[in-house]
Amino acid sequence: MNSVLPQNIGIDISKASLDCHARPAGIGRQFANTKKGYAALIKWIAQWHVERIAYEATGVYHRAFEQALVGCPLVRINPERARRFAQATGTLAKTDTIDAAMLALMAEALKPAPRPERAQNLNQLAELVNARDGLVRDRTALKNREKNLTLPLLKRQAKQRLEQIARHIDAIDAMAQKIIQADPELVRKQEIIASISGVGILTAAQLIATMPELGSLENKQAASLAGLAPVARQSGQWKGKCFIRGGRANVRQALYMPALVAARFNPDLSAKYKQLIAAGKPAKVAITTVMRKLIVTANALIKADRVWVKSLP
């Protein structure tokens, strides 16, 4: 009977294996996290009508999985959200098998919308941006260590490594631009985003890679997806401070420096920043507001297919 019912599949992805659970069939299987394993998995799920395939974001492992299952109704779940759901059901134990079952239950109960398929060039851009972020973190850590070095050998090695990181970052930026320039739609998106005062070509490329949905969202959705929409805290007559959480950290990371620039040189956003500071808001809150306005503006401009124009005084 269960073979004819729509199924929600939960998959826990690890380096070596894919632990799967079909619900309501209640059937679990494990497959190797290899090309042969993907082929066997696709054959296994073909026996049902599958509504969703839920899995957690796991970096390089989930990207290979997504590419192998193109055309399937994939739902990527934030690991923290998945863990909180499991705790809400009273499940405290954590194993790969339990996680797969919980993901299937979560998909069935909450019915998250499957992710739209991403083009191969966007997957490549996302991989480049992730690699670039890693190099930037390495550069920052090395610069911090460099301050405490005293031996000439170590200083020389640190300098050479920093030069190597700079070359690698330049190569990544060049390849990202090559990918963008090969697609007229991406060229136009980059042109629109980079037209916003405070945002440059590099940030535009990062936003295209990390938030390809820009232009297809409502403004509130764009802010929420980036994790820049304030979350209210209220109970009875008590009201706590609003805060941001969740969303895509890499989008916020890409927007932070442009927001600092926009707070000084973008006439519209500079006025808003100064207004918030004058009202006694902390600088961090004011900058977060500027970041939110940047992503909302980019979304609205792409949707309207027009570049940013400075407001008249």
C-alpha atoms as a PDB file:
ATOM      1  CA  MET A   1       0.000   0.000   0.000  1.00  0.00           C
ATOM      2  CA  ASN A   2       2.791   2.404   0.894  1.00  0.00           C
ATOM      3  CA  SER A   3       4.315   1.910  -2.549  1.00  0.00           C
ATOM      4  CA  VAL A   4       1.536   4.013  -4.072  1.00  0.00           C
ATOM      5  CA  LEU A   5       1.584   6.771  -1.454  1.00  0.00           C
ATOM      6  CA  PRO A   6       3.640   9.936  -2.033  1.00  0.00           C
ATOM      7  CA  GLN A   7       6.892   9.694  -0.129  1.00  0.00           C
ATOM      8  CA  ASN A   8       9.170  12.157   1.621  1.00  0.00           C
ATOM      9  CA  ILE A   9      12.781  11.025   1.661  1.00  0.00           C
ATOM     10  CA  GLY A  10      15.252  12.088   4.344  1.00  0.00           C
ATOM     11  CA  ILE A  11      18.947  11.699   3.539  1.00  0.00           C
ATOM     12  CA  ASP A  12      21.824  12.177   5.957  1.00  0.00           C
ATOM     13  CA  ILE A  13      24.921  12.935   3.878  1.00  0.00           C
ATOM     14  CA  SER A  14      28.375  12.055   5.176  1.00  0.00           C
ATOM     15  CA  LYS A  15      31.731  11.705   3.466  1.00  0.00           C
ATOM     16  CA  ALA A  16      31.396   7.964   2.892  1.00  0.00           C
ATOM     17  CA  SER A  17      27.670   7.248   2.829  1.00  0.00           C
ATOM     18  CA  LEU A  18      24.097   8.382   2.270  1.00  0.00           C
ATOM     19  CA  ASP A  19      21.696   7.186   4.985  1.00  0.00           C
ATOM     20  CA  CYS A  20      18.161   7.336   3.599  1.00  0.00           C
ATOM     21  CA  HIS A  21      14.676   6.998   5.053  1.00  0.00           C
ATOM     22  CA  ALA A  22      11.374   6.968   3.139  1.00  0.00           C
ATOM     23  CA  ARG A  23       8.227   8.151   4.895  1.00  0.00           C
ATOM     24  CA  PRO A  24       5.450   6.950   5.259  1.00  0.00           C
ATOM     25  CA  ALA A  25       6.851   3.711   3.839  1.00  0.00           C
ATOM     26  CA  GLY A  26       9.186   3.518   6.848  1.00  0.00           C
ATOM     27  CA  ILE A  27      11.959   1.986   4.787  1.00  0.00           C
ATOM     28  CA  GLY A  28      15.617   2.847   5.330  1.00  0.00           C
ATOM     29  CA  ARG A  29      18.630   2.181   3.104  1.00  0.00           C
ATOM     30  CA  GLN A  30      22.252   3.177   2.972  1.00  0.00           C
ATOM     31  CA  PHE A  31      24.177   3.980  -0.201  1.00  0.00           C
ATOM     32  CA  ALA A  32      27.795   4.829  -0.852  1.00  0.00           C
ATOM     33  CA  ASN A  33      28.521   8.522  -1.383  1.00  0.00           C
ATOM     34  CA  THR A  34      29.905   7.814  -4.854  1.00  0.00           C
ATOM     35  CA  LYS A  35      28.668   7.982  -8.435  1.00  0.00           C
ATOM     36  CA  LYS A  36      27.601   4.324  -8.212  1.00  0.00           C
ATOM     37  CA  GLY A  37      25.853   5.085  -4.945  1.00  0.00           C
ATOM     38  CA  TYR A  38      23.962   7.985  -6.522  1.00  0.00           C
ATOM     39  CA  ALA A  39      22.828   5.736  -9.373  1.00  0.00           C
ATOM     40  CA  ALA A  40      21.599   3.105  -6.903  1.00  0.00           C
ATOM     41  CA  LEU A  41      19.817   5.772  -4.844  1.00  0.00           C
ATOM     42  CA  ILE A  42      18.022   7.154  -7.913  1.00  0.00           C
ATOM     43  CA  LYS A  43      16.902   3.625  -8.828  1.00  0.00           C
ATOM     44  CA  TRP A  44      15.653   3.050  -5.257  1.00  0.00           C
ATOM     45  CA  ILE A  45      13.551   6.213  -5.050  1.00  0.00           C
ATOM     46  CA  ALA A  46      12.119   5.626  -8.562  1.00  0.00           C
ATOM     47  CA  GLN A  47       9.714   3.051  -7.073  1.00  0.00           C
ATOM     48  CA  TRP A  48       7.676   5.866  -5.494  1.00  0.00           C
ATOM     49  CA  HIS A  49       6.170   9.201  -6.298  1.00  0.00           C
ATOM     50  CA  VAL A  50       8.519  11.383  -4.247  1.00  0.00           C
ATOM     51  CA  GLU A  51       7.293  14.787  -3.043  1.00  0.00           C
ATOM     52  CA  ARG A  52      10.529  15.936  -1.387  1.00  0.00           C
ATOM     53  CA  ILE A  53      14.060  14.768  -0.758  1.00  0.00           C
ATOM     54  CA  ALA A  54      15.292  16.540   2.379  1.00  0.00           C
ATOM     55  CA  TYR A  55      18.959  16.772   3.332  1.00  0.00           C
ATOM     56  CA  GLU A  56      21.216  19.018   5.393  1.00  0.00           C
ATOM     57  CA  ALA A  57      23.761  21.440   3.989  1.00  0.00           C
ATOM     58  CA  THR A  58      27.149  19.732   4.267  1.00  0.00           C
ATOM     59  CA  GLY A  59      29.417  21.765   2.003  1.00  0.00           C
ATOM     60  CA  VAL A  60      31.287  19.843  -0.650  1.00  0.00           C
ATOM     61  CA  TYR A  61      29.329  16.634   0.007  1.00  0.00           C
ATOM     62  CA  HIS A  62      25.883  18.098  -0.579  1.00  0.00           C
ATOM     63  CA  ARG A  63      27.024  19.946  -3.725  1.00  0.00           C
ATOM     64  CA  ALA A  64      28.094  16.680  -5.381  1.00  0.00           C
ATOM     65  CA  PHE A  65      24.813  15.114  -4.231  1.00  0.00           C
ATOM     66  CA  GLU A  66      22.762  17.971  -5.730  1.00  0.00           C
ATOM     67  CA  GLN A  67      24.515  17.689  -9.077  1.00  0.00           C
ATOM     68  CA  ALA A  68      23.871  13.937  -9.181  1.00  0.00           C
ATOM     69  CA  LEU A  69      20.153  14.301  -8.413  1.00  0.00           C
ATOM     70  CA  VAL A  70      19.314  17.118 -10.829  1.00  0.00           C
ATOM     71  CA  GLY A  71      15.613  16.971 -11.638  1.00  0.00           C
ATOM     72  CA  CYS A  72      14.583  15.596  -8.227  1.00  0.00           C
ATOM     73  CA  PRO A  73      12.513  17.665  -5.723  1.00  0.00           C
ATOM     74  CA  LEU A  74      15.435  18.571  -3.458  1.00  0.00           C
ATOM     75  CA  VAL A  75      14.953  20.441  -0.173  1.00  0.00           C
ATOM     76  CA  ARG A  76      18.099  21.662   1.587  1.00  0.00           C
ATOM     77  CA  ILE A  77      17.583  22.025   5.338  1.00  0.00           C
ATOM     78  CA  ASN A  78      19.617  24.226   7.672  1.00  0.00           C
ATOM     79  CA  PRO A  79      21.356  21.842  10.150  1.00  0.00           C
ATOM     80  CA  GLU A  80      20.424  23.962  13.177  1.00  0.00           C
ATOM     81  CA  ARG A  81      16.786  24.009  12.122  1.00  0.00           C
ATOM     82  CA  ALA A  82      16.821  20.231  11.609  1.00  0.00           C
ATOM     83  CA  ARG A  83      18.303  19.684  15.054  1.00  0.00           C
ATOM     84  CA  ARG A  84      15.733  21.919  16.723  1.00  0.00           C
ATOM     85  CA  PHE A  85      12.950  20.021  14.950  1.00  0.00           C
ATOM     86  CA  ALA A  86      14.329  16.719  16.244  1.00  0.00           C
ATOM     87  CA  GLN A  87      14.493  18.112  19.778  1.00  0.00           C
ATOM     88  CA  ALA A  88      10.914  19.383  19.465  1.00  0.00           C
ATOM     89  CA  THR A  89       9.784  15.823  18.715  1.00  0.00           C
ATOM     90  CA  GLY A  90      11.579  14.592  21.834  1.00  0.00           C
ATOM     91  CA  THR A  91      14.385  12.918  19.893  1.00  0.00           C
ATOM     92  CA  LEU A  92      17.625  13.555  21.769  1.00  0.00           C
ATOM     93  CA  ALA A  93      19.739  10.773  20.258  1.00  0.00           C
ATOM     94  CA  LYS A  94      21.699  11.632  17.127  1.00  0.00           C
ATOM     95  CA  THR A  95      22.858   9.052  14.616  1.00  0.00           C
ATOM     96  CA  ASP A  96      22.937   9.068  10.823  1.00  0.00           C
ATOM     97  CA  THR A  97      19.921   6.737  10.693  1.00  0.00           C
ATOM     98  CA  ILE A  98      17.922   8.849  13.163  1.00  0.00           C
ATOM     99  CA  ASP A  99      18.857  12.063  11.350  1.00  0.00           C
ATOM    100  CA  ALA A 100      17.603  10.638   8.042  1.00  0.00           C
ATOM    101  CA  ALA A 101      14.283   9.651   9.649  1.00  0.00           C
ATOM    102  CA  MET A 102      13.938  13.086  11.262  1.00  0.00           C
ATOM    103  CA  LEU A 103      14.591  14.836   7.926  1.00  0.00           C
ATOM    104  CA  ALA A 104      11.876  12.727   6.296  1.00  0.00           C
ATOM    105  CA  LEU A 105       9.436  13.576   9.120  1.00  0.00           C
ATOM    106  CA  MET A 106      10.346  17.262   8.900  1.00  0.00           C
ATOM    107  CA  ALA A 107       9.740  17.280   5.135  1.00  0.00           C
ATOM    108  CA  GLU A 108       6.369  15.570   5.605  1.00  0.00           C
ATOM    109  CA  ALA A 109       5.239  17.826   8.459  1.00  0.00           C
ATOM    110  CA  LEU A 110       6.476  21.238   7.306  1.00  0.00           C
ATOM    111  CA  LYS A 111       6.239  20.680   3.538  1.00  0.00           C
ATOM    112  CA  PRO A 112       9.104  23.003   2.555  1.00  0.00           C
ATOM    113  CA  ALA A 113       9.160  23.947  -1.098  1.00  0.00           C
ATOM    114  CA  PRO A 114      11.727  22.091  -3.244  1.00  0.00           C
ATOM    115  CA  ARG A 115      14.682  24.202  -4.340  1.00  0.00           C
ATOM    116  CA  PRO A 116      14.618  25.405  -7.938  1.00  0.00           C
ATOM    117  CA  GLU A 117      17.325  23.807 -10.012  1.00  0.00           C
ATOM    118  CA  ARG A 118      20.468  25.891 -10.367  1.00  0.00           C
ATOM    119  CA  ALA A 119      22.321  26.134 -13.626  1.00  0.00           C
ATOM    120  CA  GLN A 120      25.790  24.627 -13.808  1.00  0.00           C
ATOM    121  CA  ASN A 121      27.434  28.050 -14.117  1.00  0.00           C
ATOM    122  CA  LEU A 122      25.801  29.156 -10.856  1.00  0.00           C
ATOM    123  CA  ASN A 123      27.066  26.011  -9.131  1.00  0.00           C
ATOM    124  CA  GLN A 124      30.544  26.826 -10.404  1.00  0.00           C
ATOM    125  CA  LEU A 125      30.268  30.397  -9.156  1.00  0.00           C
ATOM    126  CA  ALA A 126      29.119  29.209  -5.731  1.00  0.00           C
ATOM    127  CA  GLU A 127      32.098  26.847  -5.510  1.00  0.00           C
ATOM    128  CA  LEU A 128      34.477  29.657  -6.469  1.00  0.00           C
ATOM    129  CA  VAL A 129      32.981  31.989  -3.854  1.00  0.00           C
ATOM    130  CA  ASN A 130      33.308  29.319  -1.148  1.00  0.00           C
ATOM    131  CA  ALA A 131      36.944  28.772  -2.104  1.00  0.00           C
ATOM    132  CA  ARG A 132      37.579  32.526  -2.087  1.00  0.00           C
ATOM    133  CA  ASP A 133      36.015  32.874   1.368  1.00  0.00           C
ATOM    134  CA  GLY A 134      38.331  30.150   2.642  1.00  0.00           C
ATOM    135  CA  LEU A 135      41.378  31.939   1.234  1.00  0.00           C
ATOM    136  CA  VAL A 136      40.295  35.229   2.807  1.00  0.00           C
ATOM    137  CA  ARG A 137      39.970  33.509   6.197  1.00  0.00           C
ATOM    138  CA  ASP A 138      43.427  31.977   5.751  1.00  0.00           C
ATOM    139  CA  ARG A 139      44.861  35.388   4.863  1.00  0.00           C
ATOM    140  CA  THR A 140      43.335  37.023   7.923  1.00  0.00           C
ATOM    141  CA  ALA A 141      44.601  34.277  10.243  1.00  0.00           C
ATOM    142  CA  LEU A 142      48.090  34.414   8.726  1.00  0.00           C
ATOM    143  CA  LYS A 143      48.271  38.201   9.039  1.00  0.00           C
ATOM    144  CA  ASN A 144      47.333  37.917  12.696  1.00  0.00           C
ATOM    145  CA  ARG A 145      50.045  35.307  13.312  1.00  0.00           C
ATOM    146  CA  GLU A 146      52.575  37.288  11.296  1.00  0.00           C
ATOM    147  CA  LYS A 147      52.523  40.077  13.879  1.00  0.00           C
ATOM    148  CA  ASN A 148      54.022  37.728  16.474  1.00  0.00           C
ATOM    149  CA  LEU A 149      56.719  36.153  14.319  1.00  0.00           C
ATOM    150  CA  THR A 150      60.351  36.919  15.181  1.00  0.00           C
ATOM    151  CA  LEU A 151      62.386  34.398  13.175  1.00  0.00           C
ATOM    152  CA  PRO A 152      63.407  35.576   9.679  1.00  0.00           C
ATOM    153  CA  LEU A 153      62.564  32.146   8.209  1.00  0.00           C
ATOM    154  CA  LEU A 154      59.000  32.230   9.488  1.00  0.00           C
ATOM    155  CA  LYS A 155      58.538  35.835   8.384  1.00  0.00           C
ATOM    156  CA  ARG A 156      59.753  34.925   4.904  1.00  0.00           C
ATOM    157  CA  GLN A 157      57.434  31.903   4.705  1.00  0.00           C
ATOM    158  CA  ALA A 158      54.476  33.987   5.871  1.00  0.00           C
ATOM    159  CA  LYS A 159      55.193  36.604   3.204  1.00  0.00           C
ATOM    160  CA  GLN A 160      55.426  33.940   0.508  1.00  0.00           C
ATOM    161  CA  ARG A 161      52.163  32.350   1.633  1.00  0.00           C
ATOM    162  CA  LEU A 162      50.386  35.719   1.608  1.00  0.00           C
ATOM    163  CA  GLU A 163      51.632  36.358  -1.913  1.00  0.00           C
ATOM    164  CA  GLN A 164      50.412  32.916  -2.960  1.00  0.00           C
ATOM    165  CA  ILE A 165      46.972  33.549  -1.427  1.00  0.00           C
ATOM    166  CA  ALA A 166      46.755  36.867  -3.294  1.00  0.00           C
ATOM    167  CA  ARG A 167      47.531  35.113  -6.588  1.00  0.00           C
ATOM    168  CA  HIS A 168      44.942  32.434  -5.907  1.00  0.00           C
ATOM    169  CA  ILE A 169      42.277  35.020  -5.070  1.00  0.00           C
ATOM    170  CA  ASP A 170      43.043  36.932  -8.268  1.00  0.00           C
ATOM    171  CA  ALA A 171      42.757  33.700 -10.280  1.00  0.00           C
ATOM    172  CA  ILE A 172      39.400  32.879  -8.675  1.00  0.00           C
ATOM    173  CA  ASP A 173      38.076  36.392  -9.352  1.00  0.00           C
ATOM    174  CA  ALA A 174      39.184  36.145 -12.982  1.00  0.00           C
ATOM    175  CA  MET A 175      37.476  32.782 -13.468  1.00  0.00           C
ATOM    176  CA  ALA A 176      34.281  34.061 -11.823  1.00  0.00           C
ATOM    177  CA  GLN A 177      34.194  36.989 -14.229  1.00  0.00           C
ATOM    178  CA  LYS A 178      34.782  34.649 -17.158  1.00  0.00           C
ATOM    179  CA  ILE A 179      31.760  32.573 -16.131  1.00  0.00           C
ATOM    180  CA  ILE A 180      29.592  35.661 -15.698  1.00  0.00           C
ATOM    181  CA  GLN A 181      30.654  37.221 -18.991  1.00  0.00           C
ATOM    182  CA  ALA A 182      29.627  34.043 -20.830  1.00  0.00           C
ATOM    183  CA  ASP A 183      25.987  34.486 -19.739  1.00  0.00           C
ATOM    184  CA  PRO A 184      24.124  37.670 -20.823  1.00  0.00           C
ATOM    185  CA  GLU A 185      21.604  37.290 -17.990  1.00  0.00           C
ATOM    186  CA  LEU A 186      24.359  37.193 -15.373  1.00  0.00           C
ATOM    187  CA  VAL A 187      26.111  40.122 -17.055  1.00  0.00           C
ATOM    188  CA  ARG A 188      22.929  42.175 -16.706  1.00  0.00           C
ATOM    189  CA  LYS A 189      22.451  41.139 -13.053  1.00  0.00           C
ATOM    190  CA  GLN A 190      26.008  42.128 -12.240  1.00  0.00           C
ATOM    191  CA  GLU A 191      25.575  45.463 -14.015  1.00  0.00           C
ATOM    192  CA  ILE A 192      22.421  46.228 -12.026  1.00  0.00           C
ATOM    193  CA  ILE A 193      23.841  45.234  -8.631  1.00  0.00           C
ATOM    194  CA  ALA A 194      27.148  47.017  -9.206  1.00  0.00           C
ATOM    195  CA  SER A 195      25.306  50.216 -10.170  1.00  0.00           C
ATOM    196  CA  ILE A 196      24.234  50.670  -6.520  1.00  0.00           C
ATOM    197  CA  SER A 197      26.497  53.209  -4.846  1.00  0.00           C
ATOM    198  CA  GLY A 198      28.773  51.321  -2.420  1.00  0.00           C
ATOM    199  CA  VAL A 199      28.578  47.989  -4.254  1.00  0.00           C
ATOM    200  CA  GLY A 200      31.332  46.908  -6.622  1.00  0.00           C
ATOM    201  CA  ILE A 201      31.804  44.276  -9.308  1.00  0.00           C
ATOM    202  CA  LEU A 202      33.276  41.760  -6.864  1.00  0.00           C
ATOM    203  CA  THR A 203      30.377  42.042  -4.415  1.00  0.00           C
ATOM    204  CA  ALA A 204      27.909  41.791  -7.305  1.00  0.00           C
ATOM    205  CA  ALA A 205      29.521  38.518  -8.389  1.00  0.00           C
ATOM    206  CA  GLN A 206      29.385  37.192  -4.823  1.00  0.00           C
ATOM    207  CA  LEU A 207      25.686  38.030  -4.516  1.00  0.00           C
ATOM    208  CA  ILE A 208      24.899  36.386  -7.850  1.00  0.00           C
ATOM    209  CA  ALA A 209      26.593  33.213  -6.615  1.00  0.00           C
ATOM    210  CA  THR A 210      25.243  33.145  -3.062  1.00  0.00           C
ATOM    211  CA  MET A 211      21.746  34.488  -3.714  1.00  0.00           C
ATOM    212  CA  PRO A 212      20.725  33.623  -7.288  1.00  0.00           C
ATOM    213  CA  GLU A 213      17.055  34.102  -6.327  1.00  0.00           C
ATOM    214  CA  LEU A 214      17.489  37.896  -6.410  1.00  0.00           C
ATOM    215  CA  GLY A 215      14.913  39.423  -8.705  1.00  0.00           C
ATOM    216  CA  SER A 216      12.371  36.647  -8.179  1.00  0.00           C
ATOM    217  CA  LEU A 217      11.548  37.413  -4.529  1.00  0.00           C
ATOM    218  CA  GLU A 218       9.389  39.848  -2.648  1.00  0.00           C
ATOM    219  CA  ASN A 219      11.476  42.389  -0.738  1.00  0.00           C
ATOM    220  CA  LYS A 220      10.673  40.877   2.676  1.00  0.00           C
ATOM    221  CA  GLN A 221      11.573  37.438   1.348  1.00  0.00           C
ATOM    222  CA  ALA A 222      14.929  38.725   0.114  1.00  0.00           C
ATOM    223  CA  ALA A 223      15.735  40.244   3.519  1.00  0.00           C
ATOM    224  CA  SER A 224      14.660  37.074   5.325  1.00  0.00           C
ATOM    225  CA  LEU A 225      16.616  34.772   3.017  1.00  0.00           C
ATOM    226  CA  ALA A 226      19.749  36.819   3.671  1.00  0.00           C
ATOM    227  CA  GLY A 227      19.117  36.657   7.420  1.00  0.00           C
ATOM    228  CA  LEU A 228      18.714  40.437   7.607  1.00  0.00           C
ATOM    229  CA  ALA A 229      15.040  40.647   8.581  1.00  0.00           C
ATOM    230  CA  PRO A 230      14.622  41.582  12.275  1.00  0.00           C
ATOM    231  CA  VAL A 231      13.068  38.857  14.430  1.00  0.00           C
ATOM    232  CA  ALA A 232      10.605  40.123  17.034  1.00  0.00           C
ATOM    233  CA  ARG A 233      10.779  38.980  20.688  1.00  0.00           C
ATOM    234  CA  GLN A 234       7.564  39.578  22.613  1.00  0.00           C
ATOM    235  CA  SER A 235       5.617  37.769  25.298  1.00  0.00           C
ATOM    236  CA  GLY A 236       2.598  39.385  26.932  1.00  0.00           C
ATOM    237  CA  GLN A 237       3.556  42.917  27.891  1.00  0.00           C
ATOM    238  CA  TRP A 238       7.271  42.139  27.688  1.00  0.00           C
ATOM    239  CA  LYS A 239       9.069  43.285  24.571  1.00  0.00           C
ATOM    240  CA  GLY A 240      12.675  42.352  23.937  1.00  0.00           C
ATOM    241  CA  LYS A 241      15.065  43.736  21.369  1.00  0.00           C
ATOM    242  CA  CYS A 242      14.640  42.585  17.791  1.00  0.00           C
ATOM    243  CA  PHE A 243      17.574  40.724  16.308  1.00  0.00           C
ATOM    244  CA  ILE A 244      18.617  38.943  13.137  1.00  0.00           C
ATOM    245  CA  ARG A 245      19.397  35.262  12.865  1.00  0.00           C
ATOM    246  CA  GLY A 246      19.535  32.423  10.366  1.00  0.00           C
ATOM    247  CA  GLY A 247      19.630  33.085   6.649  1.00  0.00           C
ATOM    248  CA  ARG A 248      22.733  32.981   4.498  1.00  0.00           C
ATOM    249  CA  ALA A 249      25.818  34.052   6.371  1.00  0.00           C
ATOM    250  CA  ASN A 250      27.851  34.309   3.162  1.00  0.00           C
ATOM    251  CA  VAL A 251      25.418  36.928   1.825  1.00  0.00           C
ATOM    252  CA  ARG A 252      25.803  39.018   4.986  1.00  0.00           C
ATOM    253  CA  GLN A 253      29.557  38.616   4.791  1.00  0.00           C
ATOM    254  CA  ALA A 254      29.535  39.876   1.194  1.00  0.00           C
ATOM    255  CA  LEU A 255      27.399  42.888   2.143  1.00  0.00           C
ATOM    256  CA  TYR A 256      29.245  44.073   5.254  1.00  0.00           C
ATOM    257  CA  MET A 257      32.052  46.105   3.670  1.00  0.00           C
ATOM    258  CA  PRO A 258      29.784  47.557   0.932  1.00  0.00           C
ATOM    259  CA  ALA A 259      27.388  48.633   3.694  1.00  0.00           C
ATOM    260  CA  LEU A 260      30.205  50.513   5.430  1.00  0.00           C
ATOM    261  CA  VAL A 261      30.995  52.287   2.155  1.00  0.00           C
ATOM    262  CA  ALA A 262      27.327  52.968   1.393  1.00  0.00           C
ATOM    263  CA  ALA A 263      26.812  54.415   4.886  1.00  0.00           C
ATOM    264  CA  ARG A 264      29.326  57.129   3.938  1.00  0.00           C
ATOM    265  CA  PHE A 265      28.914  57.685   0.221  1.00  0.00           C
ATOM    266  CA  ASN A 266      25.455  56.462  -0.868  1.00  0.00           C
ATOM    267  CA  PRO A 267      23.233  59.543  -0.371  1.00  0.00           C
ATOM    268  CA  ASP A 268      20.054  57.596   0.435  1.00  0.00           C
ATOM    269  CA  LEU A 269      21.663  55.063   2.752  1.00  0.00           C
ATOM    270  CA  SER A 270      23.978  57.580   4.364  1.00  0.00           C
ATOM    271  CA  ALA A 271      20.957  59.634   5.385  1.00  0.00           C
ATOM    272  CA  LYS A 272      19.275  56.549   6.848  1.00  0.00           C
ATOM    273  CA  TYR A 273      22.440  55.552   8.721  1.00  0.00           C
ATOM    274  CA  LYS A 274      22.847  59.021  10.222  1.00  0.00           C
ATOM    275  CA  GLN A 275      19.175  59.097  11.176  1.00  0.00           C
ATOM    276  CA  LEU A 276      19.502  55.824  13.097  1.00  0.00           C
ATOM    277  CA  ILE A 277      22.687  56.932  14.855  1.00  0.00           C
ATOM    278  CA  ALA A 278      21.058  60.240  15.815  1.00  0.00           C
ATOM    279  CA  ALA A 279      18.138  58.253  17.258  1.00  0.00           C
ATOM    280  CA  GLY A 280      20.551  56.431  19.567  1.00  0.00           C
ATOM    281  CA  LYS A 281      20.763  53.154  17.676  1.00  0.00           C
ATOM    282  CA  PRO A 282      24.070  51.241  17.976  1.00  0.00           C
ATOM    283  CA  ALA A 283      26.332  51.440  14.921  1.00  0.00           C
ATOM    284  CA  LYS A 284      25.982  47.684  14.410  1.00  0.00           C
ATOM    285  CA  VAL A 285      22.196  48.003  14.163  1.00  0.00           C
ATOM    286  CA  ALA A 286      22.499  50.914  11.739  1.00  0.00           C
ATOM    287  CA  ILE A 287      24.929  48.980   9.507  1.00  0.00           C
ATOM    288  CA  THR A 288      22.634  45.952   9.545  1.00  0.00           C
ATOM    289  CA  THR A 289      19.812  48.206   8.356  1.00  0.00           C
ATOM    290  CA  VAL A 290      22.014  49.454   5.507  1.00  0.00           C
ATOM    291  CA  MET A 291      22.841  45.842   4.577  1.00  0.00           C
ATOM    292  CA  ARG A 292      19.146  44.997   4.515  1.00  0.00           C
ATOM    293  CA  LYS A 293      18.377  47.980   2.306  1.00  0.00           C
ATOM    294  CA  LEU A 294      21.181  47.006  -0.080  1.00  0.00           C
ATOM    295  CA  ILE A 295      19.831  43.495  -0.622  1.00  0.00           C
ATOM    296  CA  VAL A 296      16.246  44.736  -0.931  1.00  0.00           C
ATOM    297  CA  THR A 297      17.327  47.398  -3.434  1.00  0.00           C
ATOM    298  CA  ALA A 298      19.273  44.855  -5.492  1.00  0.00           C
ATOM    299  CA  ASN A 299      16.264  42.529  -5.547  1.00  0.00           C
ATOM    300  CA  ALA A 300      13.861  45.296  -6.602  1.00  0.00           C
ATOM    301  CA  LEU A 301      16.167  46.627  -9.323  1.00  0.00           C
ATOM    302  CA  ILE A 302      16.769  43.201 -10.851  1.00  0.00           C
ATOM    303  CA  LYS A 303      13.030  42.516 -10.819  1.00  0.00           C
ATOM    304  CA  ALA A 304      12.437  45.828 -12.600  1.00  0.00           C
ATOM    305  CA  ASP A 305      15.467  45.308 -14.891  1.00  0.00           C
ATOM    306  CA  ARG A 306      16.892  48.763 -14.258  1.00  0.00           C
ATOM    307  CA  VAL A 307      20.059  50.199 -12.770  1.00  0.00           C
ATOM    308  CA  TRP A 308      20.252  52.280  -9.608  1.00  0.00           C
ATOM    309  CA  VAL A 309      19.905  56.022 -10.024  1.00  0.00           C
ATOM    310  CA  LYS A 310      20.923  58.552  -7.411  1.00  0.00           C
ATOM    311  CA  SER A 311      17.924  60.250  -5.808  1.00  0.00           C
ATOM    312  CA  LEU A 312      17.450  63.912  -6.568  1.00  0.00           C
ATOM    313  CA  PRO A 313      18.105  66.263  -3.600  1.00  0.00           C
END
